[in-house]
Amino acid sequence: MLALVAGSVSAALPVVSFATAPAPMVSSSRTVEQTIAIALVNPGSPVTIDADARTLAADLNSERAKRGLPALTRDAALDRIAYAKAVDMAAHGYFGHTDPAGVTFADRMRAAHWATTYVAENIAFDRDEPHANAAFVNSPGHYANMIDPNERRLGVAVVTVGHGETFYVQVFSGN
């Protein structure tokens, strides 16, 4: 599986175009990155996949349990923040914590008036939940976010535009 992690992307990136299913990508908000433009294959309107969001949250909490960490509690406000990010990436054909206008994850959390100094975000673009979860687990930066003992709450969103072109967003908070 090919995964693009934010820190390994060069500054001069071409638009990514896919003739077949796209290569998966993952990114952790702890890394400064360039936004990647994605030419989606015949995209439809963004559609939420709630069952995959529940599974992604359960898989994350399973990883935490393996390390003796408490489960993270799903938070409706964080779910809305994650959903807004996933829909924005899907609707505007990009992948990154920073949107094409330069709005960062930290900017979005401030705009949401999120009152904590500890937050993190994982994002992936993959064909299905098992592959996106595997990408998170196998990436040191993502995995560190998943098993951080300072976290208490979680927001998750999964949004697809069809054809295995799906955006996965996890937002973590310490309060």
N, C-alpha and C. Protein backbone atom coordinates (compact mmCIF):
# COMPACT_ATOMS: atom_id res chain seq x y z
N MET A 1 0.84 -1.17 0.00
CA MET A 1 0.00 0.00 0.00
C MET A 1 0.89 1.23 0.00
N LEU A 2 0.62 2.16 -0.88
CA LEU A 2 1.33 3.42 -0.92
C LEU A 2 0.61 4.43 -0.05
N ALA A 3 1.34 5.06 0.83
CA ALA A 3 0.74 6.09 1.67
C ALA A 3 1.60 7.33 1.59
N LEU A 4 0.99 8.47 1.34
CA LEU A 4 1.71 9.73 1.35
C LEU A 4 1.52 10.35 2.72
N VAL A 5 2.61 10.60 3.41
CA VAL A 5 2.57 11.24 4.71
C VAL A 5 3.06 12.66 4.52
N ALA A 6 2.43 13.59 5.20
CA ALA A 6 2.65 15.02 4.99
C ALA A 6 4.11 15.41 4.93
N GLY A 7 4.94 14.93 5.81
CA GLY A 7 6.32 15.36 5.87
C GLY A 7 7.15 14.93 4.67
N SER A 8 6.66 13.97 3.87
CA SER A 8 7.45 13.49 2.76
C SER A 8 7.03 14.07 1.42
N VAL A 9 6.11 14.98 1.41
CA VAL A 9 5.60 15.57 0.18
C VAL A 9 6.42 16.81 -0.16
N SER A 10 6.84 16.93 -1.42
CA SER A 10 7.64 18.09 -1.81
C SER A 10 6.74 19.31 -2.03
N ALA A 11 7.34 20.48 -2.12
CA ALA A 11 6.59 21.73 -2.23
C ALA A 11 5.95 21.90 -3.61
N ALA A 12 6.53 21.33 -4.64
CA ALA A 12 6.00 21.51 -5.99
C ALA A 12 5.27 20.24 -6.41
N LEU A 13 4.01 20.12 -6.02
CA LEU A 13 3.24 18.92 -6.31
C LEU A 13 2.31 19.15 -7.49
N PRO A 14 2.29 18.20 -8.43
CA PRO A 14 1.32 18.29 -9.51
C PRO A 14 -0.04 17.82 -9.02
N VAL A 15 -1.07 18.10 -9.80
CA VAL A 15 -2.39 17.56 -9.51
C VAL A 15 -2.32 16.06 -9.72
N VAL A 16 -2.86 15.30 -8.79
CA VAL A 16 -2.85 13.85 -8.89
C VAL A 16 -4.08 13.43 -9.68
N SER A 17 -3.88 12.62 -10.73
CA SER A 17 -4.99 12.14 -11.54
C SER A 17 -4.97 10.63 -11.54
N PHE A 18 -6.14 10.01 -11.42
CA PHE A 18 -6.23 8.56 -11.32
C PHE A 18 -7.05 8.00 -12.46
N ALA A 19 -6.48 7.04 -13.19
CA ALA A 19 -7.24 6.33 -14.22
C ALA A 19 -7.98 5.16 -13.57
N THR A 20 -7.43 4.62 -12.49
CA THR A 20 -8.07 3.55 -11.73
C THR A 20 -8.21 4.03 -10.30
N ALA A 21 -8.44 3.11 -9.39
CA ALA A 21 -8.60 3.50 -7.99
C ALA A 21 -7.38 4.26 -7.51
N PRO A 22 -7.58 5.33 -6.76
CA PRO A 22 -6.47 6.16 -6.30
C PRO A 22 -5.62 5.45 -5.26
N ALA A 23 -4.38 5.86 -5.17
CA ALA A 23 -3.50 5.36 -4.12
C ALA A 23 -3.95 5.98 -2.80
N PRO A 24 -3.90 5.21 -1.72
CA PRO A 24 -4.29 5.78 -0.43
C PRO A 24 -3.29 6.82 0.03
N MET A 25 -3.78 7.77 0.80
CA MET A 25 -2.92 8.80 1.38
C MET A 25 -3.32 8.97 2.84
N VAL A 26 -2.34 9.26 3.68
CA VAL A 26 -2.61 9.54 5.08
C VAL A 26 -1.81 10.76 5.49
N SER A 27 -2.30 11.50 6.47
CA SER A 27 -1.58 12.65 6.96
C SER A 27 -1.95 12.90 8.42
N SER A 28 -0.95 13.29 9.20
CA SER A 28 -1.13 13.60 10.61
C SER A 28 -0.95 15.10 10.80
N SER A 29 -1.81 15.72 11.61
CA SER A 29 -1.77 17.17 11.78
C SER A 29 -0.52 17.66 12.48
N ARG A 30 0.30 16.76 13.00
CA ARG A 30 1.53 17.17 13.68
C ARG A 30 2.61 17.59 12.69
N THR A 31 2.36 17.38 11.41
CA THR A 31 3.36 17.65 10.39
C THR A 31 2.90 18.81 9.51
N VAL A 32 3.77 19.76 9.24
CA VAL A 32 3.45 20.84 8.31
C VAL A 32 3.48 20.25 6.91
N GLU A 33 2.53 20.63 6.09
CA GLU A 33 2.42 19.99 4.78
C GLU A 33 1.94 20.94 3.71
N GLN A 34 2.05 20.47 2.49
CA GLN A 34 1.46 21.14 1.35
C GLN A 34 0.15 20.43 1.03
N THR A 35 -0.84 21.15 0.58
CA THR A 35 -2.10 20.56 0.16
C THR A 35 -1.91 19.83 -1.16
N ILE A 36 -2.52 18.67 -1.28
CA ILE A 36 -2.44 17.89 -2.51
C ILE A 36 -3.76 18.02 -3.25
N ALA A 37 -3.71 18.46 -4.50
CA ALA A 37 -4.92 18.53 -5.33
C ALA A 37 -5.19 17.15 -5.90
N ILE A 38 -6.43 16.72 -5.85
CA ILE A 38 -6.80 15.39 -6.32
C ILE A 38 -7.82 15.53 -7.44
N ALA A 39 -7.53 14.91 -8.58
CA ALA A 39 -8.50 14.85 -9.67
C ALA A 39 -9.32 13.57 -9.46
N LEU A 40 -10.50 13.73 -8.87
CA LEU A 40 -11.33 12.57 -8.56
C LEU A 40 -11.89 11.99 -9.84
N VAL A 41 -12.08 10.62 -9.84
CA VAL A 41 -12.53 9.92 -11.05
C VAL A 41 -14.02 10.15 -11.22
N ASN A 42 -14.78 10.78 -11.60
CA ASN A 42 -16.23 10.83 -11.76
C ASN A 42 -16.91 11.03 -10.40
N PRO A 43 -16.57 12.08 -9.72
CA PRO A 43 -17.09 12.24 -8.36
C PRO A 43 -18.58 12.57 -8.32
N GLY A 44 -19.21 12.01 -7.32
CA GLY A 44 -20.59 12.37 -7.02
C GLY A 44 -20.58 13.37 -5.88
N SER A 45 -21.75 13.70 -5.40
CA SER A 45 -21.83 14.58 -4.23
C SER A 45 -21.30 13.84 -3.02
N PRO A 46 -20.64 14.54 -2.09
CA PRO A 46 -20.13 13.87 -0.89
C PRO A 46 -21.27 13.23 -0.09
N VAL A 47 -21.04 11.98 0.32
CA VAL A 47 -22.02 11.21 1.08
C VAL A 47 -21.33 10.66 2.33
N THR A 48 -21.99 10.82 3.46
CA THR A 48 -21.47 10.32 4.73
C THR A 48 -21.70 8.81 4.84
N ILE A 49 -20.69 8.11 5.37
CA ILE A 49 -20.83 6.67 5.64
C ILE A 49 -20.72 6.50 7.16
N ASP A 50 -21.85 6.63 7.85
CA ASP A 50 -21.87 6.57 9.31
C ASP A 50 -21.38 5.24 9.85
N ALA A 51 -21.72 4.13 9.20
CA ALA A 51 -21.29 2.82 9.68
C ALA A 51 -19.77 2.72 9.69
N ASP A 52 -19.12 3.25 8.65
CA ASP A 52 -17.65 3.23 8.61
C ASP A 52 -17.06 4.14 9.67
N ALA A 53 -17.70 5.26 9.98
CA ALA A 53 -17.22 6.14 11.04
C ALA A 53 -17.28 5.42 12.38
N ARG A 54 -18.38 4.70 12.63
CA ARG A 54 -18.49 3.93 13.88
C ARG A 54 -17.42 2.86 13.94
N THR A 55 -17.18 2.17 12.83
CA THR A 55 -16.16 1.11 12.79
C THR A 55 -14.76 1.69 12.99
N LEU A 56 -14.48 2.84 12.37
CA LEU A 56 -13.18 3.48 12.52
C LEU A 56 -12.95 3.86 13.98
N ALA A 57 -13.97 4.39 14.66
CA ALA A 57 -13.86 4.73 16.07
C ALA A 57 -13.64 3.48 16.91
N ALA A 58 -14.37 2.41 16.62
CA ALA A 58 -14.22 1.15 17.36
C ALA A 58 -12.83 0.56 17.15
N ASP A 59 -12.32 0.61 15.92
CA ASP A 59 -10.97 0.11 15.64
C ASP A 59 -9.92 0.91 16.41
N LEU A 60 -10.10 2.22 16.46
CA LEU A 60 -9.18 3.08 17.21
C LEU A 60 -9.19 2.70 18.69
N ASN A 61 -10.39 2.55 19.26
CA ASN A 61 -10.47 2.21 20.68
C ASN A 61 -9.95 0.80 20.96
N SER A 62 -10.03 -0.08 19.99
CA SER A 62 -9.44 -1.41 20.13
C SER A 62 -7.92 -1.32 20.24
N GLU A 63 -7.32 -0.45 19.44
CA GLU A 63 -5.87 -0.24 19.53
C GLU A 63 -5.49 0.33 20.89
N ARG A 64 -6.28 1.25 21.39
CA ARG A 64 -6.01 1.83 22.72
C ARG A 64 -6.13 0.76 23.79
N ALA A 65 -7.14 -0.10 23.70
CA ALA A 65 -7.34 -1.16 24.70
C ALA A 65 -6.15 -2.12 24.72
N LYS A 66 -5.57 -2.41 23.56
CA LYS A 66 -4.39 -3.28 23.49
C LYS A 66 -3.23 -2.74 24.31
N ARG A 67 -3.20 -1.43 24.51
CA ARG A 67 -2.13 -0.78 25.26
C ARG A 67 -2.58 -0.36 26.66
N GLY A 68 -3.74 -0.84 27.09
CA GLY A 68 -4.24 -0.53 28.42
C GLY A 68 -4.73 0.90 28.59
N LEU A 69 -5.05 1.55 27.48
CA LEU A 69 -5.54 2.94 27.52
C LEU A 69 -7.06 2.96 27.50
N PRO A 70 -7.66 3.97 28.13
CA PRO A 70 -9.12 4.06 28.11
C PRO A 70 -9.63 4.41 26.71
N ALA A 71 -10.84 3.97 26.44
CA ALA A 71 -11.48 4.29 25.17
C ALA A 71 -11.75 5.79 25.10
N LEU A 72 -11.67 6.35 23.90
CA LEU A 72 -12.05 7.74 23.69
C LEU A 72 -13.56 7.81 23.52
N THR A 73 -14.15 8.87 24.02
CA THR A 73 -15.58 9.10 23.92
C THR A 73 -15.88 9.90 22.67
N ARG A 74 -16.81 9.41 21.85
CA ARG A 74 -17.23 10.18 20.68
C ARG A 74 -17.89 11.46 21.15
N ASP A 75 -17.58 12.55 20.48
CA ASP A 75 -18.09 13.87 20.84
C ASP A 75 -18.79 14.45 19.61
N ALA A 76 -20.05 14.84 19.76
CA ALA A 76 -20.84 15.35 18.62
C ALA A 76 -20.22 16.59 18.00
N ALA A 77 -19.66 17.49 18.81
CA ALA A 77 -19.04 18.70 18.26
C ALA A 77 -17.79 18.35 17.46
N LEU A 78 -16.98 17.42 17.97
CA LEU A 78 -15.79 16.99 17.22
C LEU A 78 -16.19 16.22 15.97
N ASP A 79 -17.28 15.44 16.04
CA ASP A 79 -17.79 14.77 14.83
C ASP A 79 -18.14 15.81 13.76
N ARG A 80 -18.76 16.92 14.17
CA ARG A 80 -19.12 17.97 13.19
C ARG A 80 -17.87 18.62 12.59
N ILE A 81 -16.83 18.82 13.40
CA ILE A 81 -15.58 19.38 12.89
C ILE A 81 -14.94 18.42 11.90
N ALA A 82 -14.91 17.13 12.24
CA ALA A 82 -14.35 16.11 11.34
C ALA A 82 -15.17 16.04 10.05
N TYR A 83 -16.50 16.07 10.19
CA TYR A 83 -17.37 16.01 9.02
C TYR A 83 -17.15 17.21 8.09
N ALA A 84 -17.04 18.39 8.67
CA ALA A 84 -16.81 19.59 7.85
C ALA A 84 -15.51 19.47 7.06
N LYS A 85 -14.48 18.93 7.69
CA LYS A 85 -13.19 18.77 7.01
C LYS A 85 -13.30 17.74 5.89
N ALA A 86 -13.93 16.61 6.17
CA ALA A 86 -14.07 15.56 5.16
C ALA A 86 -14.87 16.05 3.96
N VAL A 87 -15.97 16.74 4.22
CA VAL A 87 -16.80 17.27 3.13
C VAL A 87 -16.04 18.32 2.33
N ASP A 88 -15.29 19.18 3.02
CA ASP A 88 -14.52 20.21 2.32
C ASP A 88 -13.50 19.58 1.37
N MET A 89 -12.76 18.57 1.86
CA MET A 89 -11.78 17.91 0.99
C MET A 89 -12.47 17.25 -0.19
N ALA A 90 -13.60 16.55 0.07
CA ALA A 90 -14.32 15.85 -1.00
C ALA A 90 -14.90 16.83 -2.01
N ALA A 91 -15.51 17.89 -1.53
CA ALA A 91 -16.17 18.85 -2.43
C ALA A 91 -15.17 19.66 -3.26
N HIS A 92 -13.98 19.90 -2.69
CA HIS A 92 -13.00 20.75 -3.38
C HIS A 92 -11.82 19.98 -3.96
N GLY A 93 -11.84 18.66 -3.87
CA GLY A 93 -10.82 17.83 -4.52
C GLY A 93 -9.41 18.07 -4.05
N TYR A 94 -9.21 18.06 -2.74
CA TYR A 94 -7.85 18.19 -2.21
C TYR A 94 -7.68 17.27 -1.01
N PHE A 95 -6.44 17.10 -0.59
CA PHE A 95 -6.11 16.30 0.58
C PHE A 95 -5.07 17.06 1.39
N GLY A 96 -5.38 17.36 2.64
CA GLY A 96 -4.41 18.04 3.50
C GLY A 96 -5.07 18.67 4.70
N HIS A 97 -4.31 18.86 5.75
CA HIS A 97 -4.82 19.54 6.95
C HIS A 97 -5.02 21.02 6.69
N THR A 98 -4.26 21.56 5.76
CA THR A 98 -4.39 22.96 5.35
C THR A 98 -5.17 22.98 4.05
N ASP A 99 -6.23 23.77 3.98
CA ASP A 99 -7.02 23.81 2.75
C ASP A 99 -6.33 24.69 1.70
N PRO A 100 -6.80 24.66 0.46
CA PRO A 100 -6.14 25.45 -0.59
C PRO A 100 -6.08 26.95 -0.30
N ALA A 101 -6.95 27.46 0.57
CA ALA A 101 -6.92 28.89 0.92
C ALA A 101 -5.95 29.18 2.06
N GLY A 102 -5.31 28.13 2.60
CA GLY A 102 -4.33 28.34 3.67
C GLY A 102 -4.88 28.19 5.07
N VAL A 103 -6.14 27.79 5.23
CA VAL A 103 -6.74 27.60 6.55
C VAL A 103 -6.22 26.28 7.13
N THR A 104 -5.59 26.36 8.29
CA THR A 104 -4.96 25.19 8.92
C THR A 104 -5.91 24.50 9.90
N PHE A 105 -5.50 23.34 10.37
CA PHE A 105 -6.24 22.62 11.40
C PHE A 105 -6.39 23.50 12.64
N ALA A 106 -5.31 24.13 13.07
CA ALA A 106 -5.36 25.01 14.24
C ALA A 106 -6.34 26.16 14.01
N ASP A 107 -6.35 26.74 12.80
CA ASP A 107 -7.31 27.80 12.48
C ASP A 107 -8.74 27.31 12.62
N ARG A 108 -9.01 26.10 12.11
CA ARG A 108 -10.37 25.55 12.18
C ARG A 108 -10.80 25.30 13.62
N MET A 109 -9.88 24.81 14.45
CA MET A 109 -10.22 24.55 15.85
C MET A 109 -10.49 25.86 16.59
N ARG A 110 -9.70 26.90 16.30
CA ARG A 110 -9.96 28.22 16.91
C ARG A 110 -11.31 28.77 16.45
N ALA A 111 -11.62 28.63 15.17
CA ALA A 111 -12.89 29.12 14.65
C ALA A 111 -14.08 28.39 15.28
N ALA A 112 -13.86 27.13 15.67
CA ALA A 112 -14.91 26.35 16.33
C ALA A 112 -14.97 26.66 17.83
N HIS A 113 -14.08 27.54 18.30
CA HIS A 113 -14.00 27.91 19.72
C HIS A 113 -13.74 26.69 20.60
N TRP A 114 -12.87 25.79 20.10
CA TRP A 114 -12.56 24.58 20.86
C TRP A 114 -11.59 24.96 21.98
N ALA A 115 -12.04 24.80 23.21
CA ALA A 115 -11.30 25.30 24.38
C ALA A 115 -10.36 24.23 24.95
N THR A 116 -9.29 23.97 24.26
CA THR A 116 -8.25 23.09 24.77
C THR A 116 -6.96 23.41 24.04
N THR A 117 -5.87 23.18 24.71
CA THR A 117 -4.58 23.38 24.06
C THR A 117 -4.10 22.10 23.40
N TYR A 118 -4.76 20.99 23.67
CA TYR A 118 -4.35 19.72 23.08
C TYR A 118 -5.40 19.22 22.10
N VAL A 119 -5.09 19.24 20.83
CA VAL A 119 -5.92 18.65 19.79
C VAL A 119 -5.01 18.06 18.72
N ALA A 120 -5.53 17.10 17.99
CA ALA A 120 -4.78 16.49 16.89
C ALA A 120 -5.78 16.01 15.86
N GLU A 121 -5.29 15.77 14.65
CA GLU A 121 -6.15 15.32 13.55
C GLU A 121 -5.40 14.32 12.70
N ASN A 122 -6.07 13.24 12.34
CA ASN A 122 -5.58 12.29 11.35
C ASN A 122 -6.52 12.35 10.16
N ILE A 123 -5.97 12.33 8.95
CA ILE A 123 -6.79 12.26 7.74
C ILE A 123 -6.24 11.18 6.83
N ALA A 124 -7.14 10.55 6.09
CA ALA A 124 -6.74 9.55 5.10
C ALA A 124 -7.66 9.66 3.90
N PHE A 125 -7.16 9.25 2.76
CA PHE A 125 -7.93 9.13 1.52
C PHE A 125 -7.66 7.71 1.05
N ASP A 126 -8.68 6.86 1.12
CA ASP A 126 -8.45 5.44 0.83
C ASP A 126 -9.72 4.82 0.28
N ARG A 127 -9.65 3.54 -0.06
CA ARG A 127 -10.79 2.88 -0.71
C ARG A 127 -11.83 2.34 0.25
N ASP A 128 -11.40 1.98 1.50
CA ASP A 128 -12.36 1.47 2.47
C ASP A 128 -11.81 1.61 3.88
N GLU A 129 -12.69 1.39 4.87
CA GLU A 129 -12.32 1.59 6.27
C GLU A 129 -11.17 0.69 6.71
N PRO A 130 -11.16 -0.61 6.39
CA PRO A 130 -10.03 -1.44 6.84
C PRO A 130 -8.68 -0.93 6.34
N HIS A 131 -8.63 -0.46 5.10
CA HIS A 131 -7.36 0.05 4.57
C HIS A 131 -6.99 1.39 5.20
N ALA A 132 -7.97 2.25 5.42
CA ALA A 132 -7.68 3.55 6.06
C ALA A 132 -7.19 3.32 7.49
N ASN A 133 -7.85 2.43 8.23
CA ASN A 133 -7.42 2.14 9.59
C ASN A 133 -6.01 1.55 9.60
N ALA A 134 -5.73 0.63 8.68
CA ALA A 134 -4.38 0.05 8.59
C ALA A 134 -3.34 1.12 8.29
N ALA A 135 -3.69 2.07 7.43
CA ALA A 135 -2.76 3.16 7.12
C ALA A 135 -2.48 3.98 8.38
N PHE A 136 -3.51 4.28 9.16
CA PHE A 136 -3.32 5.03 10.41
C PHE A 136 -2.44 4.24 11.39
N VAL A 137 -2.74 2.96 11.56
CA VAL A 137 -2.00 2.12 12.52
C VAL A 137 -0.54 1.96 12.11
N ASN A 138 -0.27 1.88 10.81
CA ASN A 138 1.09 1.65 10.33
C ASN A 138 1.90 2.91 10.09
N SER A 139 1.34 4.06 10.40
CA SER A 139 2.05 5.33 10.27
C SER A 139 2.39 5.84 11.67
N PRO A 140 3.67 6.01 11.98
CA PRO A 140 4.04 6.41 13.35
C PRO A 140 3.33 7.67 13.86
N GLY A 141 3.20 8.70 13.04
CA GLY A 141 2.55 9.93 13.48
C GLY A 141 1.07 9.74 13.78
N HIS A 142 0.39 8.98 12.92
CA HIS A 142 -1.03 8.71 13.14
C HIS A 142 -1.23 7.84 14.36
N TYR A 143 -0.40 6.82 14.46
CA TYR A 143 -0.54 5.90 15.58
C TYR A 143 -0.28 6.62 16.90
N ALA A 144 0.67 7.54 16.90
CA ALA A 144 0.94 8.32 18.12
C ALA A 144 -0.31 9.11 18.51
N ASN A 145 -1.01 9.68 17.54
CA ASN A 145 -2.26 10.38 17.85
C ASN A 145 -3.30 9.41 18.41
N MET A 146 -3.38 8.21 17.85
CA MET A 146 -4.38 7.24 18.26
C MET A 146 -4.18 6.75 19.69
N ILE A 147 -2.93 6.58 20.10
CA ILE A 147 -2.68 6.00 21.42
C ILE A 147 -2.14 7.01 22.43
N ASP A 148 -2.28 8.27 22.14
CA ASP A 148 -1.83 9.30 23.07
C ASP A 148 -2.66 9.24 24.35
N PRO A 149 -2.02 9.07 25.52
CA PRO A 149 -2.77 8.95 26.77
C PRO A 149 -3.42 10.26 27.22
N ASN A 150 -3.07 11.38 26.62
CA ASN A 150 -3.66 12.67 27.00
C ASN A 150 -5.02 12.91 26.37
N GLU A 151 -5.40 12.09 25.40
CA GLU A 151 -6.66 12.30 24.71
C GLU A 151 -7.82 11.75 25.52
N ARG A 152 -8.98 12.40 25.36
CA ARG A 152 -10.19 11.97 26.07
C ARG A 152 -11.38 11.82 25.12
N ARG A 153 -11.43 12.68 24.08
CA ARG A 153 -12.59 12.69 23.19
C ARG A 153 -12.17 12.57 21.74
N LEU A 154 -13.13 12.16 20.92
CA LEU A 154 -12.86 11.83 19.52
C LEU A 154 -14.02 12.26 18.64
N GLY A 155 -13.68 12.81 17.49
CA GLY A 155 -14.65 13.06 16.43
C GLY A 155 -14.21 12.28 15.20
N VAL A 156 -15.15 11.67 14.51
CA VAL A 156 -14.83 10.86 13.33
C VAL A 156 -15.84 11.16 12.23
N ALA A 157 -15.34 11.22 11.01
CA ALA A 157 -16.21 11.34 9.84
C ALA A 157 -15.62 10.54 8.69
N VAL A 158 -16.50 9.93 7.93
CA VAL A 158 -16.12 9.22 6.71
C VAL A 158 -17.06 9.72 5.62
N VAL A 159 -16.47 10.28 4.56
CA VAL A 159 -17.25 10.87 3.47
C VAL A 159 -16.69 10.35 2.15
N THR A 160 -17.58 9.87 1.29
CA THR A 160 -17.15 9.35 -0.01
C THR A 160 -17.76 10.16 -1.15
N VAL A 161 -17.05 10.15 -2.27
CA VAL A 161 -17.59 10.71 -3.51
C VAL A 161 -17.78 9.59 -4.53
N GLY A 162 -17.64 8.34 -4.07
CA GLY A 162 -17.85 7.17 -4.92
C GLY A 162 -16.55 6.59 -5.45
N HIS A 163 -16.65 5.43 -6.06
CA HIS A 163 -15.53 4.77 -6.73
C HIS A 163 -14.32 4.54 -5.81
N GLY A 164 -14.57 4.22 -4.54
CA GLY A 164 -13.46 3.99 -3.60
C GLY A 164 -12.69 5.24 -3.25
N GLU A 165 -13.23 6.40 -3.53
CA GLU A 165 -12.59 7.68 -3.22
C GLU A 165 -13.24 8.24 -1.96
N THR A 166 -12.64 7.89 -0.82
CA THR A 166 -13.27 8.17 0.46
C THR A 166 -12.28 8.89 1.38
N PHE A 167 -12.79 9.88 2.09
CA PHE A 167 -12.01 10.68 3.02
C PHE A 167 -12.35 10.26 4.45
N TYR A 168 -11.32 10.03 5.26
CA TYR A 168 -11.45 9.61 6.65
C TYR A 168 -10.81 10.67 7.52
N VAL A 169 -11.54 11.15 8.53
CA VAL A 169 -11.01 12.19 9.42
C VAL A 169 -11.26 11.78 10.87
N GLN A 170 -10.19 11.84 11.67
CA GLN A 170 -10.26 11.64 13.11
C GLN A 170 -9.76 12.92 13.77
N VAL A 171 -10.53 13.46 14.72
CA VAL A 171 -10.13 14.65 15.46
C VAL A 171 -10.08 14.26 16.94
N PHE A 172 -8.96 14.55 17.59
CA PHE A 172 -8.73 14.17 18.99
C PHE A 172 -8.67 15.40 19.87
N SER A 173 -9.15 15.25 21.12
CA SER A 173 -9.08 16.35 22.08
C SER A 173 -8.72 15.83 23.46
N GLY A 174 -7.96 16.63 24.18
CA GLY A 174 -7.55 16.28 25.52
C GLY A 174 -8.57 16.63 26.59
N ASN A 175 -9.67 17.28 26.23
CA ASN A 175 -10.67 17.59 27.26
C ASN A 175 -11.98 16.93 26.97
